[in-house]
């Protein structure tokens, strides 16, 4: 199953990528993934992009994950393994791996995902063609718990050059907002955002604030091909989170904090935080505050 063919601009992008040969780091945060991580690693080993390192963080697995990744590293010398002394959780594990990455570009290769052989090559080309982009991603196939196979496409940021416009989209958390988290991003963007920040409820949907922060510093480029496949399992983290009112409220407050710590001008921060606060508090906002928001177009 594939998406539409790339546009006519694909050839210049490929030429640009040929001239630019960045080291790319595949980040593999894993915990108890012995049963399925091998296919993820095999998909990384099959990449057509030659300048690739694989960085695996084992978060104190209690199964045979370490044995699996050690055998893989023995066969693939450009693999590094970080063995944790204590469990950091997916957020701490991911942040540490991003900080250790040697690559100019990075992407998450979660242990229940696989990527097509041309995944890195196509995304490097997309970033090479757009210096203002901080992240490039593809469409996804998702295998649900009930056996359904779904196509996930996130195209709501296409053509948006303003950080405020991109921020308004991400603040709404539209359907499939998380798909870009399987994308290739610049290491400089990670350093500018400061990593994935927890919220008051811990790790719940913290990838949303991470993507929100990235969207405020640069464009996202969608490559309209299915080059990433996700397999949900009963123990998948996003399937076990309690999506209750307190969790969602804490996440939205974390979004306000993400906007405020960004490098946007003060007026743009005010506009975006106001837009998000209206979604949090709605009718409970005092009349004068509502009036101020209306004057700002919120």
C-alpha atoms as a PDB file:
ATOM      1  CA  UNK A   1       0.000   0.000   0.000  1.00  0.00           C
ATOM      2  CA  UNK A   2       1.563   3.293  -1.051  1.00  0.00           C
ATOM      3  CA  UNK A   3       0.514   6.891  -1.138  1.00  0.00           C
ATOM      4  CA  UNK A   4       0.583   9.169  -4.168  1.00  0.00           C
ATOM      5  CA  UNK A   5       3.815   9.550  -6.057  1.00  0.00           C
ATOM      6  CA  UNK A   6       6.157  12.403  -5.095  1.00  0.00           C
ATOM      7  CA  UNK A   7       5.686  15.670  -6.887  1.00  0.00           C
ATOM      8  CA  UNK A   8       7.837  16.864  -9.758  1.00  0.00           C
ATOM      9  CA  UNK A   9      10.126  18.546  -7.218  1.00  0.00           C
ATOM     10  CA  UNK A  10      11.475  15.163  -6.105  1.00  0.00           C
ATOM     11  CA  UNK A  11      14.390  15.063  -8.560  1.00  0.00           C
ATOM     12  CA  UNK A  12      16.022  18.346  -7.415  1.00  0.00           C
ATOM     13  CA  UNK A  13      15.547  17.172  -3.817  1.00  0.00           C
ATOM     14  CA  UNK A  14      17.407  13.954  -4.587  1.00  0.00           C
ATOM     15  CA  UNK A  15      20.229  15.961  -6.231  1.00  0.00           C
ATOM     16  CA  UNK A  16      20.446  18.168  -3.127  1.00  0.00           C
ATOM     17  CA  UNK A  17      20.606  15.141  -0.861  1.00  0.00           C
ATOM     18  CA  UNK A  18      23.427  13.701  -2.971  1.00  0.00           C
ATOM     19  CA  UNK A  19      25.490  16.821  -2.334  1.00  0.00           C
ATOM     20  CA  UNK A  20      24.647  16.760   1.381  1.00  0.00           C
ATOM     21  CA  UNK A  21      25.708  13.604   3.197  1.00  0.00           C
ATOM     22  CA  UNK A  22      24.712  14.057   6.857  1.00  0.00           C
ATOM     23  CA  UNK A  23      25.223  11.371   9.449  1.00  0.00           C
ATOM     24  CA  UNK A  24      21.778  10.163  10.539  1.00  0.00           C
ATOM     25  CA  UNK A  25      21.162   8.575  13.937  1.00  0.00           C
ATOM     26  CA  UNK A  26      18.352   6.068  14.373  1.00  0.00           C
ATOM     27  CA  UNK A  27      17.177   6.270  17.979  1.00  0.00           C
ATOM     28  CA  UNK A  28      15.831   2.995  19.373  1.00  0.00           C
ATOM     29  CA  UNK A  29      14.443   3.420  22.914  1.00  0.00           C
ATOM     30  CA  UNK A  30      13.340  -0.008  24.070  1.00  0.00           C
ATOM     31  CA  UNK A  31      11.961  -1.839  27.071  1.00  0.00           C
ATOM     32  CA  UNK A  32      11.018  -5.513  27.031  1.00  0.00           C
ATOM     33  CA  UNK A  33      10.934  -5.642  23.248  1.00  0.00           C
ATOM     34  CA  UNK A  34      12.638  -9.005  22.739  1.00  0.00           C
ATOM     35  CA  UNK A  35       9.689 -10.516  20.846  1.00  0.00           C
ATOM     36  CA  UNK A  36       9.497  -7.853  18.147  1.00  0.00           C
ATOM     37  CA  UNK A  37      12.548  -5.551  18.141  1.00  0.00           C
ATOM     38  CA  UNK A  38      14.453  -7.725  15.666  1.00  0.00           C
ATOM     39  CA  UNK A  39      12.262  -6.693  12.737  1.00  0.00           C
ATOM     40  CA  UNK A  40      12.736  -3.034  13.676  1.00  0.00           C
ATOM     41  CA  UNK A  41      16.510  -3.462  13.716  1.00  0.00           C
ATOM     42  CA  UNK A  42      16.465  -5.417  10.455  1.00  0.00           C
ATOM     43  CA  UNK A  43      14.550  -2.582   8.777  1.00  0.00           C
ATOM     44  CA  UNK A  44      17.256  -0.155   9.926  1.00  0.00           C
ATOM     45  CA  UNK A  45      20.028  -2.410   8.649  1.00  0.00           C
ATOM     46  CA  UNK A  46      18.292  -2.486   5.232  1.00  0.00           C
ATOM     47  CA  UNK A  47      18.360   1.322   4.769  1.00  0.00           C
ATOM     48  CA  UNK A  48      19.670   2.605   1.449  1.00  0.00           C
ATOM     49  CA  UNK A  49      21.179   5.636   3.209  1.00  0.00           C
ATOM     50  CA  UNK A  50      24.773   4.575   3.959  1.00  0.00           C
ATOM     51  CA  UNK A  51      25.713   7.224   6.530  1.00  0.00           C
ATOM     52  CA  UNK A  52      23.634   5.826   9.380  1.00  0.00           C
ATOM     53  CA  UNK A  53      24.335   4.973  13.000  1.00  0.00           C
ATOM     54  CA  UNK A  54      21.953   3.009  15.209  1.00  0.00           C
ATOM     55  CA  UNK A  55      21.735   4.052  18.860  1.00  0.00           C
ATOM     56  CA  UNK A  56      19.811   1.685  21.140  1.00  0.00           C
ATOM     57  CA  UNK A  57      18.810   2.523  24.705  1.00  0.00           C
ATOM     58  CA  UNK A  58      17.723  -0.509  26.729  1.00  0.00           C
ATOM     59  CA  UNK A  59      15.689   0.736  29.692  1.00  0.00           C
ATOM     60  CA  UNK A  60      16.507  -2.097  32.123  1.00  0.00           C
ATOM     61  CA  UNK A  61      14.520  -4.732  30.226  1.00  0.00           C
ATOM     62  CA  UNK A  62      13.581  -7.823  32.204  1.00  0.00           C
ATOM     63  CA  UNK A  63      13.324 -10.067  29.120  1.00  0.00           C
ATOM     64  CA  UNK A  64      15.953 -10.988  26.485  1.00  0.00           C
ATOM     65  CA  UNK A  65      16.018  -7.596  24.742  1.00  0.00           C
ATOM     66  CA  UNK A  66      19.681  -6.997  25.558  1.00  0.00           C
ATOM     67  CA  UNK A  67      20.692 -10.346  24.114  1.00  0.00           C
ATOM     68  CA  UNK A  68      18.816  -9.588  20.894  1.00  0.00           C
ATOM     69  CA  UNK A  69      20.374  -6.146  20.427  1.00  0.00           C
ATOM     70  CA  UNK A  70      23.849  -7.361  21.349  1.00  0.00           C
ATOM     71  CA  UNK A  71      23.683 -10.046  18.648  1.00  0.00           C
ATOM     72  CA  UNK A  72      22.540  -7.385  16.189  1.00  0.00           C
ATOM     73  CA  UNK A  73      25.384  -5.036  17.182  1.00  0.00           C
ATOM     74  CA  UNK A  74      27.920  -7.822  16.677  1.00  0.00           C
ATOM     75  CA  UNK A  75      26.838  -8.016  13.022  1.00  0.00           C
ATOM     76  CA  UNK A  76      26.421  -4.260  12.490  1.00  0.00           C
ATOM     77  CA  UNK A  77      29.426  -2.283  13.786  1.00  0.00           C
ATOM     78  CA  UNK A  78      27.757   1.146  13.442  1.00  0.00           C
ATOM     79  CA  UNK A  79      25.471   0.252  16.339  1.00  0.00           C
ATOM     80  CA  UNK A  80      25.846   1.610  19.857  1.00  0.00           C
ATOM     81  CA  UNK A  81      24.003   0.227  22.880  1.00  0.00           C
ATOM     82  CA  UNK A  82      23.285   2.200  26.035  1.00  0.00           C
ATOM     83  CA  UNK A  83      22.527  -0.101  28.959  1.00  0.00           C
ATOM     84  CA  UNK A  84      20.653   1.756  31.698  1.00  0.00           C
ATOM     85  CA  UNK A  85      21.570   1.399  35.351  1.00  0.00           C
ATOM     86  CA  UNK A  86      17.953   2.226  36.227  1.00  0.00           C
ATOM     87  CA  UNK A  87      14.669   2.496  34.373  1.00  0.00           C
ATOM     88  CA  UNK A  88      14.197   6.023  32.981  1.00  0.00           C
ATOM     89  CA  UNK A  89      10.812   5.591  31.283  1.00  0.00           C
ATOM     90  CA  UNK A  90      10.281   6.211  27.565  1.00  0.00           C
ATOM     91  CA  UNK A  91      10.671   9.982  27.951  1.00  0.00           C
ATOM     92  CA  UNK A  92      13.953   9.913  29.878  1.00  0.00           C
ATOM     93  CA  UNK A  93      15.309   7.157  27.662  1.00  0.00           C
ATOM     94  CA  UNK A  94      14.433   9.105  24.514  1.00  0.00           C
ATOM     95  CA  UNK A  95      15.887  12.400  25.759  1.00  0.00           C
ATOM     96  CA  UNK A  96      19.138  10.741  26.744  1.00  0.00           C
ATOM     97  CA  UNK A  97      19.478   9.069  23.356  1.00  0.00           C
ATOM     98  CA  UNK A  98      18.870  12.368  21.539  1.00  0.00           C
ATOM     99  CA  UNK A  99      21.607  13.962  23.627  1.00  0.00           C
ATOM    100  CA  UNK A 100      24.045  11.145  22.795  1.00  0.00           C
ATOM    101  CA  UNK A 101      23.339  11.033  19.057  1.00  0.00           C
ATOM    102  CA  UNK A 102      26.300  11.836  16.805  1.00  0.00           C
ATOM    103  CA  UNK A 103      24.116  12.512  13.778  1.00  0.00           C
ATOM    104  CA  UNK A 104      23.246  15.850  12.244  1.00  0.00           C
ATOM    105  CA  UNK A 105      19.787  14.335  11.767  1.00  0.00           C
ATOM    106  CA  UNK A 106      17.872  11.907  13.994  1.00  0.00           C
ATOM    107  CA  UNK A 107      14.693   9.869  14.020  1.00  0.00           C
ATOM    108  CA  UNK A 108      12.893   7.573  16.433  1.00  0.00           C
ATOM    109  CA  UNK A 109      12.742   3.919  15.433  1.00  0.00           C
ATOM    110  CA  UNK A 110      10.399   2.639  18.116  1.00  0.00           C
ATOM    111  CA  UNK A 111      10.632  -1.086  18.745  1.00  0.00           C
ATOM    112  CA  UNK A 112       7.138  -1.792  17.423  1.00  0.00           C
ATOM    113  CA  UNK A 113       7.679   0.106  14.139  1.00  0.00           C
ATOM    114  CA  UNK A 114       9.409  -0.805  10.898  1.00  0.00           C
ATOM    115  CA  UNK A 115      10.567   1.508   8.118  1.00  0.00           C
ATOM    116  CA  UNK A 116      10.945   0.903   4.382  1.00  0.00           C
ATOM    117  CA  UNK A 117      14.491   0.671   2.946  1.00  0.00           C
ATOM    118  CA  UNK A 118      14.253   4.144   1.335  1.00  0.00           C
ATOM    119  CA  UNK A 119      12.830   5.818   4.462  1.00  0.00           C
ATOM    120  CA  UNK A 120      15.977   7.716   5.496  1.00  0.00           C
ATOM    121  CA  UNK A 121      17.017   8.494   1.927  1.00  0.00           C
ATOM    122  CA  UNK A 122      13.665  10.070   1.047  1.00  0.00           C
ATOM    123  CA  UNK A 123      13.489  12.125   4.244  1.00  0.00           C
ATOM    124  CA  UNK A 124      17.048  13.413   3.916  1.00  0.00           C
ATOM    125  CA  UNK A 125      16.129  14.563   0.418  1.00  0.00           C
ATOM    126  CA  UNK A 126      13.042  16.357   1.761  1.00  0.00           C
ATOM    127  CA  UNK A 127      15.079  18.258   4.349  1.00  0.00           C
ATOM    128  CA  UNK A 128      17.808  19.031   1.812  1.00  0.00           C
ATOM    129  CA  UNK A 129      15.202  20.678  -0.399  1.00  0.00           C
ATOM    130  CA  UNK A 130      13.823  22.881   2.396  1.00  0.00           C
ATOM    131  CA  UNK A 131      16.339  24.614   4.646  1.00  0.00           C
ATOM    132  CA  UNK A 132      13.500  26.088   6.710  1.00  0.00           C
ATOM    133  CA  UNK A 133      12.171  22.654   7.643  1.00  0.00           C
ATOM    134  CA  UNK A 134      13.128  21.065  10.946  1.00  0.00           C
ATOM    135  CA  UNK A 135      11.344  17.746  10.406  1.00  0.00           C
ATOM    136  CA  UNK A 136      10.338  15.510   7.502  1.00  0.00           C
ATOM    137  CA  UNK A 137       7.963  12.567   7.828  1.00  0.00           C
ATOM    138  CA  UNK A 138       5.946  10.115   5.761  1.00  0.00           C
ATOM    139  CA  UNK A 139       2.497   8.610   5.793  1.00  0.00           C
ATOM    140  CA  UNK A 140       1.997   5.499   7.936  1.00  0.00           C
ATOM    141  CA  UNK A 141       0.280   2.158   7.919  1.00  0.00           C
ATOM    142  CA  UNK A 142      -0.992   1.181  11.359  1.00  0.00           C
ATOM    143  CA  UNK A 143      -1.908  -2.341  12.431  1.00  0.00           C
ATOM    144  CA  UNK A 144      -4.552  -2.007  15.144  1.00  0.00           C
ATOM    145  CA  UNK A 145      -5.157  -4.461  17.986  1.00  0.00           C
ATOM    146  CA  UNK A 146      -8.302  -5.819  16.318  1.00  0.00           C
ATOM    147  CA  UNK A 147      -6.440  -6.651  13.120  1.00  0.00           C
ATOM    148  CA  UNK A 148      -7.506  -3.608  11.109  1.00  0.00           C
ATOM    149  CA  UNK A 149      -4.929  -1.996   8.817  1.00  0.00           C
ATOM    150  CA  UNK A 150      -5.332   1.773   8.607  1.00  0.00           C
ATOM    151  CA  UNK A 151      -3.641   4.500   6.594  1.00  0.00           C
ATOM    152  CA  UNK A 152      -2.672   7.481   8.732  1.00  0.00           C
ATOM    153  CA  UNK A 153      -2.006  10.754   6.928  1.00  0.00           C
ATOM    154  CA  UNK A 154      -1.250  14.068   8.618  1.00  0.00           C
ATOM    155  CA  UNK A 155      -1.372  16.890   6.076  1.00  0.00           C
ATOM    156  CA  UNK A 156      -2.674  19.817   8.122  1.00  0.00           C
ATOM    157  CA  UNK A 157       0.680  21.614   8.291  1.00  0.00           C
ATOM    158  CA  UNK A 158       1.300  21.590   4.545  1.00  0.00           C
ATOM    159  CA  UNK A 159       1.958  25.039   3.116  1.00  0.00           C
ATOM    160  CA  UNK A 160       2.084  26.730   6.533  1.00  0.00           C
ATOM    161  CA  UNK A 161       5.131  28.972   6.800  1.00  0.00           C
ATOM    162  CA  UNK A 162       4.089  30.946   9.884  1.00  0.00           C
ATOM    163  CA  UNK A 163       4.979  29.506  13.309  1.00  0.00           C
ATOM    164  CA  UNK A 164       1.706  30.884  14.680  1.00  0.00           C
ATOM    165  CA  UNK A 165      -0.313  29.082  12.001  1.00  0.00           C
ATOM    166  CA  UNK A 166       1.551  25.849  12.637  1.00  0.00           C
ATOM    167  CA  UNK A 167       1.150  26.319  16.378  1.00  0.00           C
ATOM    168  CA  UNK A 168      -2.605  26.808  16.085  1.00  0.00           C
ATOM    169  CA  UNK A 169      -2.871  23.534  14.201  1.00  0.00           C
ATOM    170  CA  UNK A 170      -0.815  21.613  16.752  1.00  0.00           C
ATOM    171  CA  UNK A 171      -2.658  23.209  19.684  1.00  0.00           C
ATOM    172  CA  UNK A 172      -5.896  21.669  18.368  1.00  0.00           C
ATOM    173  CA  UNK A 173      -4.295  18.188  18.393  1.00  0.00           C
ATOM    174  CA  UNK A 174      -6.078  17.177  15.179  1.00  0.00           C
ATOM    175  CA  UNK A 175      -6.377  13.555  14.117  1.00  0.00           C
ATOM    176  CA  UNK A 176      -3.056  11.770  13.565  1.00  0.00           C
ATOM    177  CA  UNK A 177      -1.098  14.734  15.013  1.00  0.00           C
ATOM    178  CA  UNK A 178       1.447  12.201  16.319  1.00  0.00           C
ATOM    179  CA  UNK A 179       2.466  10.843  12.899  1.00  0.00           C
ATOM    180  CA  UNK A 180       5.368  13.356  12.505  1.00  0.00           C
ATOM    181  CA  UNK A 181       6.957  11.871  15.631  1.00  0.00           C
ATOM    182  CA  UNK A 182       8.107   9.088  13.291  1.00  0.00           C
ATOM    183  CA  UNK A 183       9.947  11.688  11.225  1.00  0.00           C
ATOM    184  CA  UNK A 184      13.534  12.775  10.654  1.00  0.00           C
ATOM    185  CA  UNK A 185      14.488  15.927  12.560  1.00  0.00           C
ATOM    186  CA  UNK A 186      17.514  18.173  12.817  1.00  0.00           C
ATOM    187  CA  UNK A 187      19.687  17.789  15.908  1.00  0.00           C
ATOM    188  CA  UNK A 188      19.851  21.589  16.163  1.00  0.00           C
ATOM    189  CA  UNK A 189      16.052  21.588  16.573  1.00  0.00           C
ATOM    190  CA  UNK A 190      16.282  19.108  19.455  1.00  0.00           C
ATOM    191  CA  UNK A 191      18.790  21.375  21.178  1.00  0.00           C
ATOM    192  CA  UNK A 192      16.632  24.443  20.640  1.00  0.00           C
ATOM    193  CA  UNK A 193      13.455  22.822  21.985  1.00  0.00           C
ATOM    194  CA  UNK A 194      15.346  21.148  24.825  1.00  0.00           C
ATOM    195  CA  UNK A 195      13.933  17.666  24.358  1.00  0.00           C
ATOM    196  CA  UNK A 196      10.630  16.113  25.353  1.00  0.00           C
ATOM    197  CA  UNK A 197       9.193  17.771  28.441  1.00  0.00           C
ATOM    198  CA  UNK A 198       6.996  15.917  30.965  1.00  0.00           C
ATOM    199  CA  UNK A 199       3.741  17.377  32.223  1.00  0.00           C
ATOM    200  CA  UNK A 200       2.124  17.335  35.659  1.00  0.00           C
ATOM    201  CA  UNK A 201       0.816  13.835  34.945  1.00  0.00           C
ATOM    202  CA  UNK A 202       4.233  12.574  33.852  1.00  0.00           C
ATOM    203  CA  UNK A 203       4.769  11.167  30.363  1.00  0.00           C
ATOM    204  CA  UNK A 204       1.171  11.289  29.120  1.00  0.00           C
ATOM    205  CA  UNK A 205       1.194  12.348  25.426  1.00  0.00           C
ATOM    206  CA  UNK A 206       4.425  14.285  25.963  1.00  0.00           C
ATOM    207  CA  UNK A 207       5.232  13.761  22.293  1.00  0.00           C
ATOM    208  CA  UNK A 208       2.509  16.344  21.572  1.00  0.00           C
ATOM    209  CA  UNK A 209       4.355  19.146  23.389  1.00  0.00           C
ATOM    210  CA  UNK A 210       7.595  17.977  21.726  1.00  0.00           C
ATOM    211  CA  UNK A 211       6.038  18.298  18.262  1.00  0.00           C
ATOM    212  CA  UNK A 212       4.382  21.579  19.229  1.00  0.00           C
ATOM    213  CA  UNK A 213       7.785  22.954  20.229  1.00  0.00           C
ATOM    214  CA  UNK A 214       9.351  21.801  16.960  1.00  0.00           C
ATOM    215  CA  UNK A 215       6.529  23.323  14.913  1.00  0.00           C
ATOM    216  CA  UNK A 216       7.246  26.737  16.439  1.00  0.00           C
ATOM    217  CA  UNK A 217      10.827  26.814  15.143  1.00  0.00           C
ATOM    218  CA  UNK A 218      10.463  25.426  11.638  1.00  0.00           C
ATOM    219  CA  UNK A 219       8.364  23.768   8.979  1.00  0.00           C
ATOM    220  CA  UNK A 220       7.312  20.123   8.793  1.00  0.00           C
ATOM    221  CA  UNK A 221       7.598  18.445   5.381  1.00  0.00           C
ATOM    222  CA  UNK A 222       5.324  15.535   4.509  1.00  0.00           C
ATOM    223  CA  UNK A 223       6.612  12.975   2.034  1.00  0.00           C
ATOM    224  CA  UNK A 224       3.379  11.438   0.645  1.00  0.00           C
ATOM    225  CA  UNK A 225       4.523   7.832   0.673  1.00  0.00           C
ATOM    226  CA  UNK A 226       3.902   5.034   3.156  1.00  0.00           C
ATOM    227  CA  UNK A 227       7.429   4.362   4.410  1.00  0.00           C
ATOM    228  CA  UNK A 228       6.668   3.609   8.072  1.00  0.00           C
ATOM    229  CA  UNK A 229       4.503   0.888   9.603  1.00  0.00           C
ATOM    230  CA  UNK A 230       3.360   0.719  13.212  1.00  0.00           C
ATOM    231  CA  UNK A 231       2.170  -2.404  15.015  1.00  0.00           C
ATOM    232  CA  UNK A 232       0.057  -1.789  18.108  1.00  0.00           C
ATOM    233  CA  UNK A 233       0.248  -4.361  20.872  1.00  0.00           C
ATOM    234  CA  UNK A 234      -1.910  -4.738  23.959  1.00  0.00           C
ATOM    235  CA  UNK A 235       0.967  -3.365  26.045  1.00  0.00           C
ATOM    236  CA  UNK A 236       1.685  -0.378  23.773  1.00  0.00           C
ATOM    237  CA  UNK A 237       2.122   2.689  25.942  1.00  0.00           C
ATOM    238  CA  UNK A 238      -0.410   4.841  24.108  1.00  0.00           C
ATOM    239  CA  UNK A 239      -3.000   2.054  24.551  1.00  0.00           C
ATOM    240  CA  UNK A 240      -2.537   1.941  28.324  1.00  0.00           C
ATOM    241  CA  UNK A 241      -2.652   5.660  29.194  1.00  0.00           C
ATOM    242  CA  UNK A 242      -5.823   6.764  31.031  1.00  0.00           C
ATOM    243  CA  UNK A 243      -7.252   9.525  28.837  1.00  0.00           C
ATOM    244  CA  UNK A 244      -9.126  11.271  31.652  1.00  0.00           C
ATOM    245  CA  UNK A 245      -9.953  14.921  32.288  1.00  0.00           C
ATOM    246  CA  UNK A 246      -7.014  15.483  34.645  1.00  0.00           C
ATOM    247  CA  UNK A 247      -4.534  14.020  32.149  1.00  0.00           C
ATOM    248  CA  UNK A 248      -5.811  16.176  29.305  1.00  0.00           C
ATOM    249  CA  UNK A 249      -5.851  19.348  31.438  1.00  0.00           C
ATOM    250  CA  UNK A 250      -2.285  18.746  32.572  1.00  0.00           C
ATOM    251  CA  UNK A 251      -1.215  18.176  28.984  1.00  0.00           C
ATOM    252  CA  UNK A 252      -2.764  21.440  27.838  1.00  0.00           C
ATOM    253  CA  UNK A 253      -1.045  23.357  30.635  1.00  0.00           C
ATOM    254  CA  UNK A 254       2.194  21.762  29.502  1.00  0.00           C
ATOM    255  CA  UNK A 255       1.433  23.081  26.017  1.00  0.00           C
ATOM    256  CA  UNK A 256       1.158  26.605  27.425  1.00  0.00           C
ATOM    257  CA  UNK A 257       4.562  26.136  29.073  1.00  0.00           C
ATOM    258  CA  UNK A 258       6.022  24.881  25.785  1.00  0.00           C
ATOM    259  CA  UNK A 259       4.851  27.991  23.965  1.00  0.00           C
ATOM    260  CA  UNK A 260       6.160  30.290  26.679  1.00  0.00           C
ATOM    261  CA  UNK A 261       9.636  28.715  26.645  1.00  0.00           C
ATOM    262  CA  UNK A 262       9.873  29.043  22.872  1.00  0.00           C
ATOM    263  CA  UNK A 263      11.857  31.780  21.117  1.00  0.00           C
ATOM    264  CA  UNK A 264       8.771  33.347  19.515  1.00  0.00           C
ATOM    265  CA  UNK A 265       8.234  37.103  19.910  1.00  0.00           C
ATOM    266  CA  UNK A 266       6.129  38.049  22.923  1.00  0.00           C
ATOM    267  CA  UNK A 267       3.038  38.946  20.868  1.00  0.00           C
ATOM    268  CA  UNK A 268       3.047  35.603  19.079  1.00  0.00           C
ATOM    269  CA  UNK A 269       3.448  33.765  22.377  1.00  0.00           C
ATOM    270  CA  UNK A 270       0.467  35.684  23.743  1.00  0.00           C
ATOM    271  CA  UNK A 271      -1.642  34.804  20.722  1.00  0.00           C
ATOM    272  CA  UNK A 272      -0.869  31.086  20.933  1.00  0.00           C
ATOM    273  CA  UNK A 273      -1.148  30.766  24.703  1.00  0.00           C
ATOM    274  CA  UNK A 274      -4.439  32.639  24.534  1.00  0.00           C
ATOM    275  CA  UNK A 275      -5.704  30.283  21.846  1.00  0.00           C
ATOM    276  CA  UNK A 276      -4.770  27.281  23.961  1.00  0.00           C
ATOM    277  CA  UNK A 277      -6.122  28.753  27.199  1.00  0.00           C
ATOM    278  CA  UNK A 278      -9.475  29.345  25.527  1.00  0.00           C
ATOM    279  CA  UNK A 279      -9.533  25.637  24.753  1.00  0.00           C
ATOM    280  CA  UNK A 280      -8.656  24.815  28.373  1.00  0.00           C
ATOM    281  CA  UNK A 281     -10.950  27.174  30.233  1.00  0.00           C
ATOM    282  CA  UNK A 282     -13.579  28.144  27.645  1.00  0.00           C
ATOM    283  CA  UNK A 283     -16.601  29.811  29.255  1.00  0.00           C
ATOM    284  CA  UNK A 284     -14.912  29.945  32.644  1.00  0.00           C
ATOM    285  CA  UNK A 285     -12.642  32.790  31.488  1.00  0.00           C
ATOM    286  CA  UNK A 286     -13.515  36.225  32.920  1.00  0.00           C
ATOM    287  CA  UNK A 287     -15.288  38.596  30.528  1.00  0.00           C
ATOM    288  CA  UNK A 288     -12.365  41.054  30.185  1.00  0.00           C
ATOM    289  CA  UNK A 289     -10.014  38.181  29.314  1.00  0.00           C
ATOM    290  CA  UNK A 290     -12.438  36.895  26.684  1.00  0.00           C
ATOM    291  CA  UNK A 291     -12.631  40.406  25.243  1.00  0.00           C
ATOM    292  CA  UNK A 292      -8.852  40.686  25.063  1.00  0.00           C
ATOM    293  CA  UNK A 293      -8.670  37.332  23.278  1.00  0.00           C
ATOM    294  CA  UNK A 294     -11.319  38.430  20.768  1.00  0.00           C
ATOM    295  CA  UNK A 295      -9.338  41.566  19.986  1.00  0.00           C
ATOM    296  CA  UNK A 296      -6.342  39.324  19.241  1.00  0.00           C
ATOM    297  CA  UNK A 297      -8.447  37.256  16.882  1.00  0.00           C
ATOM    298  CA  UNK A 298      -8.601  34.255  19.237  1.00  0.00           C
END
